[in-house]
mmCIF file of all heavy atoms, coordinates in Angstrom:
data_MODEL
# 
_entry.id   MODEL 
# 
loop_
_atom_site.group_PDB 
_atom_site.id 
_atom_site.type_symbol 
_atom_site.label_atom_id 
_atom_site.label_alt_id 
_atom_site.label_comp_id 
_atom_site.label_asym_id 
_atom_site.label_entity_id 
_atom_site.label_seq_id 
_atom_site.pdbx_PDB_ins_code 
_atom_site.Cartn_x 
_atom_site.Cartn_y 
_atom_site.Cartn_z 
_atom_site.occupancy 
_atom_site.B_iso_or_equiv 
_atom_site.pdbx_formal_charge 
_atom_site.auth_seq_id 
_atom_site.auth_comp_id 
_atom_site.auth_asym_id 
_atom_site.auth_atom_id 
_atom_site.pdbx_PDB_model_num 
ATOM 1   N N   . ASP A 1 1  ? 0.860  -1.178 0.000   1.00 0.00 ? 1  ASP A N   1 
ATOM 2   C CA  . ASP A 1 1  ? 0.000  0.000  0.000   1.00 0.00 ? 1  ASP A CA  1 
ATOM 3   C C   . ASP A 1 1  ? 0.897  1.228  0.000   1.00 0.00 ? 1  ASP A C   1 
ATOM 4   O O   . ASP A 1 1  ? 0.942  1.990  0.957   1.00 0.00 ? 1  ASP A O   1 
ATOM 5   C CB  . ASP A 1 1  ? -0.898 -0.022 1.249   1.00 0.00 ? 1  ASP A CB  1 
ATOM 6   C CG  . ASP A 1 1  ? -1.952 1.077  1.246   1.00 0.00 ? 1  ASP A CG  1 
ATOM 7   O OD1 . ASP A 1 1  ? -2.339 1.520  0.143   1.00 0.00 ? 1  ASP A OD1 1 
ATOM 8   O OD2 . ASP A 1 1  ? -2.356 1.496  2.345   1.00 0.00 ? 1  ASP A OD2 1 
ATOM 9   N N   . PRO A 1 2  ? 1.661  1.403  -1.079  1.00 0.00 ? 2  PRO A N   1 
ATOM 10  C CA  . PRO A 1 2  ? 2.714  2.413  -1.070  1.00 0.00 ? 2  PRO A CA  1 
ATOM 11  C C   . PRO A 1 2  ? 2.188  3.833  -0.860  1.00 0.00 ? 2  PRO A C   1 
ATOM 12  O O   . PRO A 1 2  ? 1.180  4.232  -1.438  1.00 0.00 ? 2  PRO A O   1 
ATOM 13  C CB  . PRO A 1 2  ? 3.367  2.263  -2.444  1.00 0.00 ? 2  PRO A CB  1 
ATOM 14  C CG  . PRO A 1 2  ? 2.348  1.564  -3.287  1.00 0.00 ? 2  PRO A CG  1 
ATOM 15  C CD  . PRO A 1 2  ? 1.573  0.688  -2.357  1.00 0.00 ? 2  PRO A CD  1 
ATOM 16  N N   . ALA A 1 3  ? 2.878  4.543  -0.025  1.00 0.00 ? 3  ALA A N   1 
ATOM 17  C CA  . ALA A 1 3  ? 2.574  5.951  0.240   1.00 0.00 ? 3  ALA A CA  1 
ATOM 18  C C   . ALA A 1 3  ? 3.898  6.685  0.426   1.00 0.00 ? 3  ALA A C   1 
ATOM 19  O O   . ALA A 1 3  ? 4.253  7.090  1.527   1.00 0.00 ? 3  ALA A O   1 
ATOM 20  C CB  . ALA A 1 3  ? 1.697  6.073  1.477   1.00 0.00 ? 3  ALA A CB  1 
ATOM 21  N N   . PRO A 1 4  ? 4.654  6.827  -0.672  1.00 0.00 ? 4  PRO A N   1 
ATOM 22  C CA  . PRO A 1 4  ? 5.983  7.437  -0.548  1.00 0.00 ? 4  PRO A CA  1 
ATOM 23  C C   . PRO A 1 4  ? 5.892  8.891  -0.102  1.00 0.00 ? 4  PRO A C   1 
ATOM 24  O O   . PRO A 1 4  ? 4.898  9.576  -0.371  1.00 0.00 ? 4  PRO A O   1 
ATOM 25  C CB  . PRO A 1 4  ? 6.543  7.329  -1.974  1.00 0.00 ? 4  PRO A CB  1 
ATOM 26  C CG  . PRO A 1 4  ? 5.342  7.223  -2.854  1.00 0.00 ? 4  PRO A CG  1 
ATOM 27  C CD  . PRO A 1 4  ? 4.319  6.485  -2.058  1.00 0.00 ? 4  PRO A CD  1 
ATOM 28  N N   . PRO A 1 5  ? 6.923  9.366  0.560   1.00 0.00 ? 5  PRO A N   1 
ATOM 29  C CA  . PRO A 1 5  ? 6.907  10.746 1.047   1.00 0.00 ? 5  PRO A CA  1 
ATOM 30  C C   . PRO A 1 5  ? 7.073  11.784 -0.062  1.00 0.00 ? 5  PRO A C   1 
ATOM 31  O O   . PRO A 1 5  ? 6.806  12.964 0.149   1.00 0.00 ? 5  PRO A O   1 
ATOM 32  C CB  . PRO A 1 5  ? 8.101  10.794 2.011   1.00 0.00 ? 5  PRO A CB  1 
ATOM 33  C CG  . PRO A 1 5  ? 9.028  9.725  1.520   1.00 0.00 ? 5  PRO A CG  1 
ATOM 34  C CD  . PRO A 1 5  ? 8.141  8.640  0.993   1.00 0.00 ? 5  PRO A CD  1 
ATOM 35  N N   . PHE A 1 6  ? 7.508  11.323 -1.239  1.00 0.00 ? 6  PHE A N   1 
ATOM 36  C CA  . PHE A 1 6  ? 7.735  12.239 -2.358  1.00 0.00 ? 6  PHE A CA  1 
ATOM 37  C C   . PHE A 1 6  ? 7.103  11.666 -3.625  1.00 0.00 ? 6  PHE A C   1 
ATOM 38  O O   . PHE A 1 6  ? 6.838  10.474 -3.728  1.00 0.00 ? 6  PHE A O   1 
ATOM 39  C CB  . PHE A 1 6  ? 9.239  12.439 -2.603  1.00 0.00 ? 6  PHE A CB  1 
ATOM 40  C CG  . PHE A 1 6  ? 10.025 12.721 -1.356  1.00 0.00 ? 6  PHE A CG  1 
ATOM 41  C CD1 . PHE A 1 6  ? 10.900 11.774 -0.854  1.00 0.00 ? 6  PHE A CD1 1 
ATOM 42  C CD2 . PHE A 1 6  ? 9.870  13.920 -0.690  1.00 0.00 ? 6  PHE A CD2 1 
ATOM 43  C CE1 . PHE A 1 6  ? 11.629 12.025 0.296   1.00 0.00 ? 6  PHE A CE1 1 
ATOM 44  C CE2 . PHE A 1 6  ? 10.597 14.180 0.470   1.00 0.00 ? 6  PHE A CE2 1 
ATOM 45  C CZ  . PHE A 1 6  ? 11.465 13.228 0.971   1.00 0.00 ? 6  PHE A CZ  1 
ATOM 46  N N   . THR A 1 7  ? 6.915  12.529 -4.612  1.00 0.00 ? 7  THR A N   1 
ATOM 47  C CA  . THR A 1 7  ? 6.413  12.090 -5.917  1.00 0.00 ? 7  THR A CA  1 
ATOM 48  C C   . THR A 1 7  ? 7.533  12.151 -6.948  1.00 0.00 ? 7  THR A C   1 
ATOM 49  O O   . THR A 1 7  ? 7.299  12.448 -8.119  1.00 0.00 ? 7  THR A O   1 
ATOM 50  C CB  . THR A 1 7  ? 5.233  12.965 -6.373  1.00 0.00 ? 7  THR A CB  1 
ATOM 51  O OG1 . THR A 1 7  ? 5.664  14.342 -6.420  1.00 0.00 ? 7  THR A OG1 1 
ATOM 52  C CG2 . THR A 1 7  ? 4.054  12.836 -5.426  1.00 0.00 ? 7  THR A CG2 1 
ATOM 53  N N   . SER A 1 8  ? 8.731  11.853 -6.510  1.00 0.00 ? 8  SER A N   1 
ATOM 54  C CA  . SER A 1 8  ? 9.908  12.004 -7.382  1.00 0.00 ? 8  SER A CA  1 
ATOM 55  C C   . SER A 1 8  ? 10.410 10.668 -7.914  1.00 0.00 ? 8  SER A C   1 
ATOM 56  O O   . SER A 1 8  ? 11.577 10.537 -8.257  1.00 0.00 ? 8  SER A O   1 
ATOM 57  C CB  . SER A 1 8  ? 11.033 12.701 -6.610  1.00 0.00 ? 8  SER A CB  1 
ATOM 58  O OG  . SER A 1 8  ? 11.321 12.007 -5.407  1.00 0.00 ? 8  SER A OG  1 
ATOM 59  N N   . GLY A 1 9  ? 9.518  9.670  -8.017  1.00 0.00 ? 9  GLY A N   1 
ATOM 60  C CA  . GLY A 1 9  ? 9.941  8.339  -8.439  1.00 0.00 ? 9  GLY A CA  1 
ATOM 61  C C   . GLY A 1 9  ? 10.107 8.165  -9.926  1.00 0.00 ? 9  GLY A C   1 
ATOM 62  O O   . GLY A 1 9  ? 10.506 7.092  -10.389 1.00 0.00 ? 9  GLY A O   1 
ATOM 63  N N   . HIS A 1 10 ? 9.808  9.194  -10.709 1.00 0.00 ? 10 HIS A N   1 
ATOM 64  C CA  . HIS A 1 10 ? 9.965  9.126  -12.159 1.00 0.00 ? 10 HIS A CA  1 
ATOM 65  C C   . HIS A 1 10 ? 10.387 10.500 -12.656 1.00 0.00 ? 10 HIS A C   1 
ATOM 66  O O   . HIS A 1 10 ? 9.968  11.523 -12.089 1.00 0.00 ? 10 HIS A O   1 
ATOM 67  C CB  . HIS A 1 10 ? 8.646  8.703  -12.831 1.00 0.00 ? 10 HIS A CB  1 
ATOM 68  C CG  . HIS A 1 10 ? 8.792  8.387  -14.285 1.00 0.00 ? 10 HIS A CG  1 
ATOM 69  N ND1 . HIS A 1 10 ? 8.746  9.363  -15.260 1.00 0.00 ? 10 HIS A ND1 1 
ATOM 70  C CD2 . HIS A 1 10 ? 8.999  7.217  -14.926 1.00 0.00 ? 10 HIS A CD2 1 
ATOM 71  C CE1 . HIS A 1 10 ? 8.912  8.796  -16.446 1.00 0.00 ? 10 HIS A CE1 1 
ATOM 72  N NE2 . HIS A 1 10 ? 9.071  7.497  -16.269 1.00 0.00 ? 10 HIS A NE2 1 
ATOM 73  N N   . PRO A 1 11 ? 11.234 10.570 -13.693 1.00 0.00 ? 11 PRO A N   1 
ATOM 74  C CA  . PRO A 1 11 ? 11.693 11.873 -14.193 1.00 0.00 ? 11 PRO A CA  1 
ATOM 75  C C   . PRO A 1 11 ? 10.568 12.828 -14.560 1.00 0.00 ? 11 PRO A C   1 
ATOM 76  O O   . PRO A 1 11 ? 10.741 14.050 -14.492 1.00 0.00 ? 11 PRO A O   1 
ATOM 77  C CB  . PRO A 1 11 ? 12.525 11.502 -15.431 1.00 0.00 ? 11 PRO A CB  1 
ATOM 78  C CG  . PRO A 1 11 ? 12.970 10.106 -15.189 1.00 0.00 ? 11 PRO A CG  1 
ATOM 79  C CD  . PRO A 1 11 ? 11.856 9.446  -14.432 1.00 0.00 ? 11 PRO A CD  1 
ATOM 80  N N   . ASP A 1 12 ? 9.424  12.292 -14.971 1.00 0.00 ? 12 ASP A N   1 
ATOM 81  C CA  . ASP A 1 12 ? 8.300  13.161 -15.334 1.00 0.00 ? 12 ASP A CA  1 
ATOM 82  C C   . ASP A 1 12 ? 7.763  13.948 -14.144 1.00 0.00 ? 12 ASP A C   1 
ATOM 83  O O   . ASP A 1 12 ? 7.119  14.987 -14.316 1.00 0.00 ? 12 ASP A O   1 
ATOM 84  C CB  . ASP A 1 12 ? 7.162  12.332 -15.930 1.00 0.00 ? 12 ASP A CB  1 
ATOM 85  C CG  . ASP A 1 12 ? 7.484  11.800 -17.305 1.00 0.00 ? 12 ASP A CG  1 
ATOM 86  O OD1 . ASP A 1 12 ? 8.516  12.210 -17.870 1.00 0.00 ? 12 ASP A OD1 1 
ATOM 87  O OD2 . ASP A 1 12 ? 6.713  10.963 -17.824 1.00 0.00 ? 12 ASP A OD2 1 
ATOM 88  N N   . ARG A 1 13 ? 8.004  13.433 -12.932 1.00 0.00 ? 13 ARG A N   1 
ATOM 89  C CA  . ARG A 1 13 ? 7.443  14.073 -11.741 1.00 0.00 ? 13 ARG A CA  1 
ATOM 90  C C   . ARG A 1 13 ? 8.499  14.617 -10.781 1.00 0.00 ? 13 ARG A C   1 
ATOM 91  O O   . ARG A 1 13 ? 8.183  15.384 -9.875  1.00 0.00 ? 13 ARG A O   1 
ATOM 92  C CB  . ARG A 1 13 ? 6.544  13.066 -10.994 1.00 0.00 ? 13 ARG A CB  1 
ATOM 93  C CG  . ARG A 1 13 ? 5.304  12.677 -11.801 1.00 0.00 ? 13 ARG A CG  1 
ATOM 94  C CD  . ARG A 1 13 ? 4.478  11.646 -11.093 1.00 0.00 ? 13 ARG A CD  1 
ATOM 95  N NE  . ARG A 1 13 ? 5.153  10.347 -11.004 1.00 0.00 ? 13 ARG A NE  1 
ATOM 96  C CZ  . ARG A 1 13 ? 5.180  9.459  -11.994 1.00 0.00 ? 13 ARG A CZ  1 
ATOM 97  N NH1 . ARG A 1 13 ? 4.583  9.721  -13.144 1.00 0.00 ? 13 ARG A NH1 1 
ATOM 98  N NH2 . ARG A 1 13 ? 5.802  8.296  -11.847 1.00 0.00 ? 13 ARG A NH2 1 
ATOM 99  N N   . ALA A 1 14 ? 9.723  14.194 -10.946 1.00 0.00 ? 14 ALA A N   1 
ATOM 100 C CA  . ALA A 1 14 ? 10.782 14.646 -10.040 1.00 0.00 ? 14 ALA A CA  1 
ATOM 101 C C   . ALA A 1 14 ? 11.113 16.119 -10.275 1.00 0.00 ? 14 ALA A C   1 
ATOM 102 O O   . ALA A 1 14 ? 11.124 16.586 -11.420 1.00 0.00 ? 14 ALA A O   1 
ATOM 103 C CB  . ALA A 1 14 ? 12.029 13.796 -10.245 1.00 0.00 ? 14 ALA A CB  1 
ATOM 104 N N   . PRO A 1 15 ? 11.372 16.872 -9.216  1.00 0.00 ? 15 PRO A N   1 
ATOM 105 C CA  . PRO A 1 15 ? 11.822 18.261 -9.396  1.00 0.00 ? 15 PRO A CA  1 
ATOM 106 C C   . PRO A 1 15 ? 13.095 18.306 -10.234 1.00 0.00 ? 15 PRO A C   1 
ATOM 107 O O   . PRO A 1 15 ? 13.917 17.383 -10.189 1.00 0.00 ? 15 PRO A O   1 
ATOM 108 C CB  . PRO A 1 15 ? 12.093 18.731 -7.958  1.00 0.00 ? 15 PRO A CB  1 
ATOM 109 C CG  . PRO A 1 15 ? 11.280 17.820 -7.091  1.00 0.00 ? 15 PRO A CG  1 
ATOM 110 C CD  . PRO A 1 15 ? 11.257 16.491 -7.800  1.00 0.00 ? 15 PRO A CD  1 
ATOM 111 N N   . ALA A 1 16 ? 13.248 19.358 -10.975 1.00 0.00 ? 16 ALA A N   1 
ATOM 112 C CA  . ALA A 1 16 ? 14.412 19.486 -11.864 1.00 0.00 ? 16 ALA A CA  1 
ATOM 113 C C   . ALA A 1 16 ? 15.724 19.389 -11.087 1.00 0.00 ? 16 ALA A C   1 
ATOM 114 O O   . ALA A 1 16 ? 16.697 18.804 -11.571 1.00 0.00 ? 16 ALA A O   1 
ATOM 115 C CB  . ALA A 1 16 ? 14.336 20.815 -12.616 1.00 0.00 ? 16 ALA A CB  1 
ATOM 116 N N   . SER A 1 17 ? 15.748 19.925 -9.876  1.00 0.00 ? 17 SER A N   1 
ATOM 117 C CA  . SER A 1 17 ? 16.982 19.881 -9.085  1.00 0.00 ? 17 SER A CA  1 
ATOM 118 C C   . SER A 1 17 ? 17.341 18.450 -8.702  1.00 0.00 ? 17 SER A C   1 
ATOM 119 O O   . SER A 1 17 ? 18.527 18.082 -8.668  1.00 0.00 ? 17 SER A O   1 
ATOM 120 C CB  . SER A 1 17 ? 16.827 20.726 -7.823  1.00 0.00 ? 17 SER A CB  1 
ATOM 121 O OG  . SER A 1 17 ? 15.747 20.260 -7.024  1.00 0.00 ? 17 SER A OG  1 
ATOM 122 N N   . VAL A 1 18 ? 16.333 17.631 -8.445  1.00 0.00 ? 18 VAL A N   1 
ATOM 123 C CA  . VAL A 1 18 ? 16.551 16.229 -8.104  1.00 0.00 ? 18 VAL A CA  1 
ATOM 124 C C   . VAL A 1 18 ? 17.013 15.458 -9.339  1.00 0.00 ? 18 VAL A C   1 
ATOM 125 O O   . VAL A 1 18 ? 17.954 14.659 -9.281  1.00 0.00 ? 18 VAL A O   1 
ATOM 126 C CB  . VAL A 1 18 ? 15.276 15.597 -7.506  1.00 0.00 ? 18 VAL A CB  1 
ATOM 127 C CG1 . VAL A 1 18 ? 15.454 14.093 -7.307  1.00 0.00 ? 18 VAL A CG1 1 
ATOM 128 C CG2 . VAL A 1 18 ? 14.921 16.273 -6.187  1.00 0.00 ? 18 VAL A CG2 1 
ATOM 129 N N   . ALA A 1 19 ? 16.348 15.694 -10.455 1.00 0.00 ? 19 ALA A N   1 
ATOM 130 C CA  . ALA A 1 19 ? 16.741 15.039 -11.708 1.00 0.00 ? 19 ALA A CA  1 
ATOM 131 C C   . ALA A 1 19 ? 18.184 15.373 -12.065 1.00 0.00 ? 19 ALA A C   1 
ATOM 132 O O   . ALA A 1 19 ? 18.937 14.518 -12.548 1.00 0.00 ? 19 ALA A O   1 
ATOM 133 C CB  . ALA A 1 19 ? 15.793 15.452 -12.834 1.00 0.00 ? 19 ALA A CB  1 
ATOM 134 N N   . ALA A 1 20 ? 18.575 16.602 -11.794 1.00 0.00 ? 20 ALA A N   1 
ATOM 135 C CA  . ALA A 1 20 ? 19.947 17.025 -12.101 1.00 0.00 ? 20 ALA A CA  1 
ATOM 136 C C   . ALA A 1 20 ? 20.973 16.307 -11.236 1.00 0.00 ? 20 ALA A C   1 
ATOM 137 O O   . ALA A 1 20 ? 22.108 16.089 -11.655 1.00 0.00 ? 20 ALA A O   1 
ATOM 138 C CB  . ALA A 1 20 ? 20.073 18.538 -11.912 1.00 0.00 ? 20 ALA A CB  1 
ATOM 139 N N   . LEU A 1 21 ? 20.562 15.911 -10.037 1.00 0.00 ? 21 LEU A N   1 
ATOM 140 C CA  . LEU A 1 21 ? 21.460 15.160 -9.161  1.00 0.00 ? 21 LEU A CA  1 
ATOM 141 C C   . LEU A 1 21 ? 21.639 13.720 -9.637  1.00 0.00 ? 21 LEU A C   1 
ATOM 142 O O   . LEU A 1 21 ? 22.726 13.148 -9.549  1.00 0.00 ? 21 LEU A O   1 
ATOM 143 C CB  . LEU A 1 21 ? 20.907 15.143 -7.733  1.00 0.00 ? 21 LEU A CB  1 
ATOM 144 C CG  . LEU A 1 21 ? 20.987 16.420 -6.911  1.00 0.00 ? 21 LEU A CG  1 
ATOM 145 C CD1 . LEU A 1 21 ? 20.239 16.235 -5.596  1.00 0.00 ? 21 LEU A CD1 1 
ATOM 146 C CD2 . LEU A 1 21 ? 22.433 16.789 -6.641  1.00 0.00 ? 21 LEU A CD2 1 
ATOM 147 N N   . VAL A 1 22 ? 20.563 13.141 -10.143 1.00 0.00 ? 22 VAL A N   1 
ATOM 148 C CA  . VAL A 1 22 ? 20.560 11.714 -10.472 1.00 0.00 ? 22 VAL A CA  1 
ATOM 149 C C   . VAL A 1 22 ? 21.034 11.429 -11.891 1.00 0.00 ? 22 VAL A C   1 
ATOM 150 O O   . VAL A 1 22 ? 21.769 10.465 -12.133 1.00 0.00 ? 22 VAL A O   1 
ATOM 151 C CB  . VAL A 1 22 ? 19.148 11.126 -10.253 1.00 0.00 ? 22 VAL A CB  1 
ATOM 152 C CG1 . VAL A 1 22 ? 19.089 9.665  -10.691 1.00 0.00 ? 22 VAL A CG1 1 
ATOM 153 C CG2 . VAL A 1 22 ? 18.742 11.262 -8.789  1.00 0.00 ? 22 VAL A CG2 1 
ATOM 154 N N   . ALA A 1 23 ? 20.628 12.247 -12.840 1.00 0.00 ? 23 ALA A N   1 
ATOM 155 C CA  . ALA A 1 23 ? 20.893 11.956 -14.254 1.00 0.00 ? 23 ALA A CA  1 
ATOM 156 C C   . ALA A 1 23 ? 22.362 11.685 -14.567 1.00 0.00 ? 23 ALA A C   1 
ATOM 157 O O   . ALA A 1 23 ? 22.676 10.745 -15.319 1.00 0.00 ? 23 ALA A O   1 
ATOM 158 C CB  . ALA A 1 23 ? 20.355 13.097 -15.121 1.00 0.00 ? 23 ALA A CB  1 
ATOM 159 N N   . PRO A 1 24 ? 23.310 12.448 -14.022 1.00 0.00 ? 24 PRO A N   1 
ATOM 160 C CA  . PRO A 1 24 ? 24.717 12.189 -14.376 1.00 0.00 ? 24 PRO A CA  1 
ATOM 161 C C   . PRO A 1 24 ? 25.213 10.807 -13.960 1.00 0.00 ? 24 PRO A C   1 
ATOM 162 O O   . PRO A 1 24 ? 26.159 10.287 -14.564 1.00 0.00 ? 24 PRO A O   1 
ATOM 163 C CB  . PRO A 1 24 ? 25.462 13.297 -13.615 1.00 0.00 ? 24 PRO A CB  1 
ATOM 164 C CG  . PRO A 1 24 ? 24.464 14.374 -13.406 1.00 0.00 ? 24 PRO A CG  1 
ATOM 165 C CD  . PRO A 1 24 ? 23.170 13.665 -13.205 1.00 0.00 ? 24 PRO A CD  1 
ATOM 166 N N   . ILE A 1 25 ? 24.601 10.238 -12.946 1.00 0.00 ? 25 ILE A N   1 
ATOM 167 C CA  . ILE A 1 25 ? 25.012 8.907  -12.494 1.00 0.00 ? 25 ILE A CA  1 
ATOM 168 C C   . ILE A 1 25 ? 24.886 7.888  -13.617 1.00 0.00 ? 25 ILE A C   1 
ATOM 169 O O   . ILE A 1 25 ? 25.704 6.963  -13.750 1.00 0.00 ? 25 ILE A O   1 
ATOM 170 C CB  . ILE A 1 25 ? 24.154 8.471  -11.284 1.00 0.00 ? 25 ILE A CB  1 
ATOM 171 C CG1 . ILE A 1 25 ? 24.384 9.402  -10.094 1.00 0.00 ? 25 ILE A CG1 1 
ATOM 172 C CG2 . ILE A 1 25 ? 24.420 7.018  -10.916 1.00 0.00 ? 25 ILE A CG2 1 
ATOM 173 C CD1 . ILE A 1 25 ? 23.424 9.175  -8.938  1.00 0.00 ? 25 ILE A CD1 1 
ATOM 174 N N   . TYR A 1 26 ? 23.878 8.090  -14.448 1.00 0.00 ? 26 TYR A N   1 
ATOM 175 C CA  . TYR A 1 26 ? 23.572 7.096  -15.470 1.00 0.00 ? 26 TYR A CA  1 
ATOM 176 C C   . TYR A 1 26 ? 24.226 7.374  -16.815 1.00 0.00 ? 26 TYR A C   1 
ATOM 177 O O   . TYR A 1 26 ? 24.185 6.526  -17.710 1.00 0.00 ? 26 TYR A O   1 
ATOM 178 C CB  . TYR A 1 26 ? 22.050 6.983  -15.649 1.00 0.00 ? 26 TYR A CB  1 
ATOM 179 C CG  . TYR A 1 26 ? 21.371 6.406  -14.434 1.00 0.00 ? 26 TYR A CG  1 
ATOM 180 C CD1 . TYR A 1 26 ? 20.745 7.236  -13.507 1.00 0.00 ? 26 TYR A CD1 1 
ATOM 181 C CD2 . TYR A 1 26 ? 21.380 5.033  -14.194 1.00 0.00 ? 26 TYR A CD2 1 
ATOM 182 C CE1 . TYR A 1 26 ? 20.137 6.711  -12.377 1.00 0.00 ? 26 TYR A CE1 1 
ATOM 183 C CE2 . TYR A 1 26 ? 20.777 4.496  -13.073 1.00 0.00 ? 26 TYR A CE2 1 
ATOM 184 C CZ  . TYR A 1 26 ? 20.161 5.346  -12.164 1.00 0.00 ? 26 TYR A CZ  1 
ATOM 185 O OH  . TYR A 1 26 ? 19.568 4.818  -11.044 1.00 0.00 ? 26 TYR A OH  1 
# 
């Protein structure tokens, strides 16, 4: 019954600042 604290589980919904942190890893 997932209820995550954030809606940043997909690039379409993640804040740009969060996406910028993760994208270079890949």
